[in-house]
Amino acid sequence: MKKGSMKKIRIAGYPDLEECLIKWFKQCREYNLPIGGNELKEKAEQFAQKLGHKDFKSSNGWLENFKNCHNIVFRKLCGKSQSVSDELCSEWIKNLPGLLQEYSPDNIFNADETGLSFKALPDKTAVFQGETCHGGKQSKERVTLLLATNMSGTEKLTPLMIGKSRNPR
């Protein structure tokens, strides 16, 4: 046997937690929901709390071991080939009021991004009647802003400038 060809078998410190997390992960993947590392760690913390594992910590090292053990890899999302079903959307809308009741309006935030064309010229101009007008080319220089506020409107976060695209559309 070659040196380095043997793998260490990792024994889960919290097998019940990992079983719950894998079950949840598989359900999410059935619906093609995107799951990132932070979501996995947060859900693991929630399961740990429900299962009474007070000393559990979902560190980056724990996440790497969990991913390796269960053959989970992260891939870039591409296209809209796997859109969410209407049935899942209806179920989400039905469950949303119950989820919202668990939080105060001060702790429920909405965030959205918008483009800001900072060198854009107007697309209309004042001219004398009967005069023809010729416009220039519109500037494509812009940045994207992330804006967020809470449901009660008492907290508006400072806008975050995401940056500009190298190839604006």
Protein backbone atom coordinates (compact mmCIF):
# COMPACT_ATOMS: atom_id res chain seq x y z
CA MET A 1 0.00 0.00 0.00
CA LYS A 2 1.35 3.44 -0.94
CA LYS A 3 2.17 5.98 1.69
CA GLY A 4 -0.65 8.52 1.96
CA SER A 5 -3.22 6.30 0.27
CA MET A 6 -5.04 5.49 3.49
CA LYS A 7 -7.74 7.82 4.69
CA LYS A 8 -8.51 8.49 8.29
CA ILE A 9 -12.08 7.54 9.12
CA ARG A 10 -13.73 10.40 10.90
CA ILE A 11 -16.21 9.48 13.59
CA ALA A 12 -18.89 12.09 13.98
CA GLY A 13 -18.89 13.74 17.38
CA TYR A 14 -22.61 14.42 17.05
CA PRO A 15 -24.09 11.70 14.80
CA ASP A 16 -27.70 12.69 15.56
CA LEU A 17 -26.99 16.29 14.59
CA GLU A 18 -25.25 15.29 11.36
CA GLU A 19 -28.11 12.92 10.51
CA CYS A 20 -30.62 15.77 10.91
CA LEU A 21 -28.43 18.14 8.92
CA ILE A 22 -27.96 15.69 6.04
CA LYS A 23 -31.72 15.02 5.94
CA TRP A 24 -32.39 18.79 5.80
CA PHE A 25 -29.67 19.26 3.15
CA LYS A 26 -31.17 16.53 0.94
CA GLN A 27 -34.62 18.10 1.23
CA CYS A 28 -33.22 21.48 0.17
CA ARG A 29 -31.41 19.93 -2.78
CA GLU A 30 -34.62 18.17 -3.91
CA TYR A 31 -36.10 21.64 -4.37
CA ASN A 32 -32.86 22.96 -5.94
CA LEU A 33 -32.45 25.52 -3.17
CA PRO A 34 -28.95 27.00 -3.03
CA ILE A 35 -27.17 26.23 0.25
CA GLY A 36 -23.93 27.93 1.24
CA GLY A 37 -21.46 27.19 4.00
CA ASN A 38 -22.94 29.79 6.33
CA GLU A 39 -26.40 28.25 5.93
CA LEU A 40 -25.04 24.79 6.75
CA LYS A 41 -23.26 26.10 9.85
CA GLU A 42 -26.30 28.08 11.00
CA LYS A 43 -28.63 25.10 10.54
CA ALA A 44 -26.15 22.87 12.41
CA GLU A 45 -26.22 25.35 15.33
CA GLN A 46 -30.04 25.26 15.31
CA PHE A 47 -30.09 21.46 15.35
CA ALA A 48 -27.45 21.39 18.10
CA GLN A 49 -29.57 23.68 20.25
CA LYS A 50 -32.71 21.57 19.68
CA LEU A 51 -30.81 18.36 20.42
CA GLY A 52 -29.24 19.78 23.58
CA HIS A 53 -25.62 19.85 22.38
CA LYS A 54 -24.57 22.97 24.28
CA ASP A 55 -20.85 22.51 23.56
CA PHE A 56 -21.23 22.18 19.77
CA LYS A 57 -19.54 24.84 17.64
CA SER A 58 -19.99 24.95 13.87
CA SER A 59 -16.51 26.16 12.98
CA ASN A 60 -15.00 26.30 9.50
CA GLY A 61 -12.98 23.20 10.38
CA TRP A 62 -16.14 21.36 11.40
CA LEU A 63 -17.76 22.40 8.10
CA GLU A 64 -14.81 21.12 6.05
CA ASN A 65 -14.90 17.76 7.86
CA PHE A 66 -18.67 17.53 7.44
CA LYS A 67 -18.43 18.29 3.71
CA ASN A 68 -15.63 15.76 3.19
CA CYS A 69 -17.42 13.05 5.14
CA HIS A 70 -20.66 13.49 3.17
CA ASN A 71 -19.13 14.24 -0.25
CA ILE A 72 -20.51 17.78 -0.36
CA VAL A 73 -18.83 20.32 -2.62
CA PHE A 74 -19.64 23.92 -3.45
CA ARG A 75 -20.31 24.82 -7.07
CA LYS A 76 -21.06 28.09 -8.79
CA LEU A 77 -24.74 28.57 -9.60
CA CYS A 78 -25.32 28.89 -13.31
CA GLY A 79 -28.33 30.06 -15.22
CA LYS A 80 -31.95 29.62 -14.38
CA SER A 81 -32.25 26.03 -15.52
CA GLN A 82 -33.53 24.92 -12.14
CA SER A 83 -36.15 27.42 -11.09
CA VAL A 84 -38.25 27.03 -7.97
CA SER A 85 -41.62 25.37 -8.51
CA ASP A 86 -44.92 27.24 -8.12
CA GLU A 87 -45.91 24.68 -5.48
CA LEU A 88 -42.88 25.50 -3.35
CA CYS A 89 -43.54 29.24 -3.72
CA SER A 90 -47.16 28.77 -2.60
CA GLU A 91 -46.00 26.73 0.40
CA TRP A 92 -43.46 29.43 1.31
CA ILE A 93 -46.10 32.18 1.11
CA LYS A 94 -48.42 30.09 3.28
CA ASN A 95 -45.72 29.52 5.94
CA LEU A 96 -44.32 33.07 5.90
CA PRO A 97 -46.80 34.64 8.39
CA GLY A 98 -45.91 31.98 10.98
CA LEU A 99 -42.20 32.63 10.50
CA LEU A 100 -42.68 36.39 10.78
CA GLN A 101 -44.48 36.01 14.13
CA GLU A 102 -41.26 34.66 15.65
CA TYR A 103 -39.50 38.01 15.11
CA SER A 104 -40.27 41.63 15.86
CA PRO A 105 -40.65 44.01 12.89
CA ASP A 106 -37.45 45.74 14.07
CA ASN A 107 -35.51 42.52 13.36
CA ILE A 108 -36.95 41.69 9.92
CA PHE A 109 -34.94 43.27 7.12
CA ASN A 110 -35.38 43.57 3.39
CA ALA A 111 -32.42 44.20 1.12
CA ASP A 112 -32.29 44.79 -2.60
CA GLU A 113 -29.73 45.89 -5.10
CA THR A 114 -30.11 48.55 -7.74
CA GLY A 115 -27.92 50.00 -10.45
CA LEU A 116 -26.85 53.64 -10.25
CA SER A 117 -25.79 55.19 -13.55
CA PHE A 118 -23.74 58.12 -12.32
CA LYS A 119 -22.73 59.51 -15.74
CA ALA A 120 -26.03 59.01 -17.52
CA LEU A 121 -27.35 61.84 -19.64
CA PRO A 122 -31.08 62.48 -19.93
CA ASP A 123 -32.82 60.59 -22.73
CA LYS A 124 -35.00 63.64 -23.54
CA THR A 125 -34.06 67.22 -24.33
CA ALA A 126 -35.79 70.53 -24.90
CA VAL A 127 -35.75 71.65 -28.55
CA PHE A 128 -37.51 74.25 -30.67
CA GLN A 129 -40.65 72.95 -32.32
CA GLY A 130 -39.84 71.42 -35.68
CA GLU A 131 -36.15 71.03 -34.81
CA THR A 132 -34.66 67.58 -35.17
CA CYS A 133 -32.45 66.36 -32.40
CA HIS A 134 -29.56 63.98 -32.29
CA GLY A 135 -28.45 62.29 -29.12
CA GLY A 136 -25.15 60.93 -28.06
CA LYS A 137 -24.28 57.49 -26.85
CA GLN A 138 -25.41 56.67 -23.31
CA SER A 139 -22.68 56.03 -20.76
CA LYS A 140 -22.62 52.51 -19.34
CA GLU A 141 -20.65 53.52 -16.27
CA ARG A 142 -22.54 52.49 -13.19
CA VAL A 143 -22.22 50.94 -9.78
CA THR A 144 -24.52 48.61 -7.89
CA LEU A 145 -25.92 49.66 -4.54
CA LEU A 146 -27.30 47.38 -1.85
CA LEU A 147 -30.06 49.08 0.13
CA ALA A 148 -31.64 47.62 3.26
CA THR A 149 -34.18 48.61 5.89
CA ASN A 150 -36.11 46.87 8.62
CA MET A 151 -39.84 46.14 8.44
CA SER A 152 -40.78 48.85 10.94
CA GLY A 153 -38.80 51.47 9.01
CA THR A 154 -36.88 52.52 12.12
CA GLU A 155 -33.50 51.37 10.81
CA LYS A 156 -32.18 52.12 7.34
CA LEU A 157 -28.73 50.66 6.78
CA THR A 158 -26.01 52.70 5.11
CA PRO A 159 -26.03 51.89 1.37
CA LEU A 160 -23.32 49.46 0.35
CA MET A 161 -21.58 50.06 -2.97
CA ILE A 162 -20.91 46.68 -4.53
CA GLY A 163 -18.79 47.97 -7.42
CA LYS A 164 -19.02 48.25 -11.15
CA SER A 165 -19.16 45.52 -13.74
CA ARG A 166 -16.24 45.07 -16.11
CA ASN A 167 -18.68 44.25 -18.91
CA PRO A 168 -21.93 46.18 -18.36
CA ARG A 169 -24.90 44.95 -20.36
